[in-house]
């Protein structure tokens, strides 16, 4: 899992990545920034079939 920046209390902290075994029959969709009516928000990564 890749690392990423996390916004907290007006500053950003780095959250380190880590290793995770591949899940057979799934693909990993990484974290991503998406624009919403309330501004930019981080959508967490997930395993998709």
N, C-alpha and C. Protein backbone atom coordinates (compact mmCIF):
# COMPACT_ATOMS: atom_id res chain seq x y z
N UNK A 1 0.85 -1.16 0.00
CA UNK A 1 0.00 0.00 0.00
C UNK A 1 0.91 1.23 0.00
N UNK A 2 0.66 2.15 -0.91
CA UNK A 2 1.53 3.32 -0.98
C UNK A 2 1.30 4.28 0.19
N UNK A 3 2.31 5.06 0.52
CA UNK A 3 2.15 6.09 1.53
C UNK A 3 1.40 7.28 0.96
N UNK A 4 0.93 8.17 1.85
CA UNK A 4 0.23 9.37 1.38
C UNK A 4 0.21 10.43 2.48
N UNK A 5 -0.10 11.64 2.09
CA UNK A 5 -0.19 12.76 3.01
C UNK A 5 -1.60 12.83 3.61
N UNK A 6 -1.67 13.13 4.90
CA UNK A 6 -2.94 13.24 5.62
C UNK A 6 -3.03 14.64 6.21
N UNK A 7 -4.11 15.37 5.88
CA UNK A 7 -4.30 16.70 6.43
C UNK A 7 -4.93 16.63 7.81
N UNK A 8 -4.29 17.31 8.78
CA UNK A 8 -4.80 17.33 10.15
C UNK A 8 -4.49 18.68 10.79
N UNK A 9 -5.49 19.29 11.34
CA UNK A 9 -5.32 20.52 12.12
C UNK A 9 -4.50 21.58 11.37
N UNK A 10 -4.80 21.76 10.08
CA UNK A 10 -4.13 22.81 9.32
C UNK A 10 -2.73 22.45 8.85
N UNK A 11 -2.30 21.21 9.00
CA UNK A 11 -0.99 20.79 8.51
C UNK A 11 -1.11 19.41 7.90
N UNK A 12 -0.06 18.96 7.21
CA UNK A 12 -0.06 17.66 6.57
C UNK A 12 1.01 16.78 7.17
N UNK A 13 0.65 15.54 7.45
CA UNK A 13 1.59 14.55 7.99
C UNK A 13 1.68 13.39 7.01
N UNK A 14 2.88 12.82 6.89
CA UNK A 14 3.08 11.69 5.99
C UNK A 14 2.68 10.40 6.70
N UNK A 15 1.83 9.61 6.05
CA UNK A 15 1.48 8.28 6.55
C UNK A 15 2.23 7.28 5.67
N UNK A 16 3.14 6.55 6.30
CA UNK A 16 4.00 5.62 5.55
C UNK A 16 3.20 4.48 4.94
N UNK A 17 3.67 3.99 3.82
CA UNK A 17 3.05 2.84 3.17
C UNK A 17 3.46 1.55 3.85
N UNK A 18 2.89 0.46 3.41
CA UNK A 18 3.22 -0.85 3.96
C UNK A 18 2.96 -1.91 2.91
N UNK A 19 3.52 -3.10 3.14
CA UNK A 19 3.37 -4.19 2.19
C UNK A 19 2.12 -5.00 2.54
N UNK A 20 1.38 -5.40 1.52
CA UNK A 20 0.23 -6.28 1.71
C UNK A 20 0.19 -7.25 0.53
N UNK A 21 -0.05 -8.51 0.83
CA UNK A 21 -0.08 -9.53 -0.23
C UNK A 21 -1.23 -9.25 -1.20
N UNK A 22 -0.99 -9.59 -2.46
CA UNK A 22 -2.03 -9.43 -3.48
C UNK A 22 -3.19 -10.37 -3.17
N UNK A 23 -4.39 -9.91 -3.45
CA UNK A 23 -5.58 -10.73 -3.24
C UNK A 23 -6.00 -11.32 -4.58
N UNK A 24 -5.96 -12.64 -4.72
CA UNK A 24 -6.32 -13.27 -6.00
C UNK A 24 -7.74 -12.86 -6.44
N UNK A 25 -7.86 -12.48 -7.71
CA UNK A 25 -9.15 -12.08 -8.26
C UNK A 25 -9.51 -10.63 -8.00
N UNK A 26 -8.62 -9.86 -7.36
CA UNK A 26 -8.88 -8.45 -7.05
C UNK A 26 -7.77 -7.59 -7.63
N UNK A 27 -8.04 -6.32 -7.78
CA UNK A 27 -7.00 -5.34 -8.12
C UNK A 27 -7.12 -4.20 -7.11
N UNK A 28 -5.99 -3.58 -6.81
CA UNK A 28 -5.99 -2.49 -5.83
C UNK A 28 -6.23 -1.16 -6.54
N UNK A 29 -7.20 -0.40 -6.08
CA UNK A 29 -7.48 0.95 -6.57
C UNK A 29 -6.89 1.90 -5.54
N UNK A 30 -5.84 2.67 -5.89
CA UNK A 30 -5.16 3.51 -4.90
C UNK A 30 -5.99 4.70 -4.42
N UNK A 31 -5.52 5.29 -3.30
CA UNK A 31 -6.11 6.53 -2.79
C UNK A 31 -6.14 7.55 -3.92
N UNK A 32 -7.09 8.46 -3.85
CA UNK A 32 -7.15 9.50 -4.87
C UNK A 32 -7.89 10.72 -4.33
N UNK A 33 -7.54 11.86 -4.86
CA UNK A 33 -8.23 13.10 -4.53
C UNK A 33 -9.36 13.29 -5.53
N UNK A 34 -10.55 13.63 -5.04
CA UNK A 34 -11.69 13.91 -5.92
C UNK A 34 -12.31 15.23 -5.50
N UNK A 35 -12.83 15.94 -6.48
CA UNK A 35 -13.47 17.22 -6.18
C UNK A 35 -14.94 16.96 -5.85
N UNK A 36 -15.39 17.56 -4.75
CA UNK A 36 -16.78 17.44 -4.33
C UNK A 36 -17.36 18.85 -4.18
N UNK A 37 -18.65 18.97 -3.94
CA UNK A 37 -19.23 20.30 -3.73
C UNK A 37 -18.60 21.06 -2.55
N UNK A 38 -18.00 20.31 -1.62
CA UNK A 38 -17.37 20.93 -0.44
C UNK A 38 -15.87 21.12 -0.59
N UNK A 39 -15.35 20.89 -1.79
CA UNK A 39 -13.91 21.03 -2.04
C UNK A 39 -13.29 19.67 -2.33
N UNK A 40 -11.96 19.61 -2.30
CA UNK A 40 -11.23 18.39 -2.59
C UNK A 40 -11.22 17.49 -1.37
N UNK A 41 -11.50 16.20 -1.58
CA UNK A 41 -11.48 15.22 -0.49
C UNK A 41 -10.70 13.99 -0.93
N UNK A 42 -10.06 13.32 0.03
CA UNK A 42 -9.30 12.11 -0.24
C UNK A 42 -10.22 10.90 -0.13
N UNK A 43 -10.24 10.10 -1.18
CA UNK A 43 -10.99 8.84 -1.17
C UNK A 43 -9.96 7.73 -0.91
N UNK A 44 -10.17 6.93 0.10
CA UNK A 44 -9.19 5.89 0.42
C UNK A 44 -9.14 4.80 -0.64
N UNK A 45 -8.01 4.10 -0.71
CA UNK A 45 -7.87 2.99 -1.64
C UNK A 45 -8.69 1.80 -1.19
N UNK A 46 -8.89 0.87 -2.13
CA UNK A 46 -9.69 -0.32 -1.82
C UNK A 46 -9.39 -1.43 -2.81
N UNK A 47 -9.76 -2.64 -2.46
CA UNK A 47 -9.63 -3.80 -3.34
C UNK A 47 -10.91 -3.97 -4.13
N UNK A 48 -10.81 -4.06 -5.45
CA UNK A 48 -11.98 -4.22 -6.32
C UNK A 48 -11.87 -5.53 -7.09
N UNK A 49 -13.00 -6.16 -7.31
CA UNK A 49 -13.01 -7.40 -8.12
C UNK A 49 -12.88 -7.06 -9.58
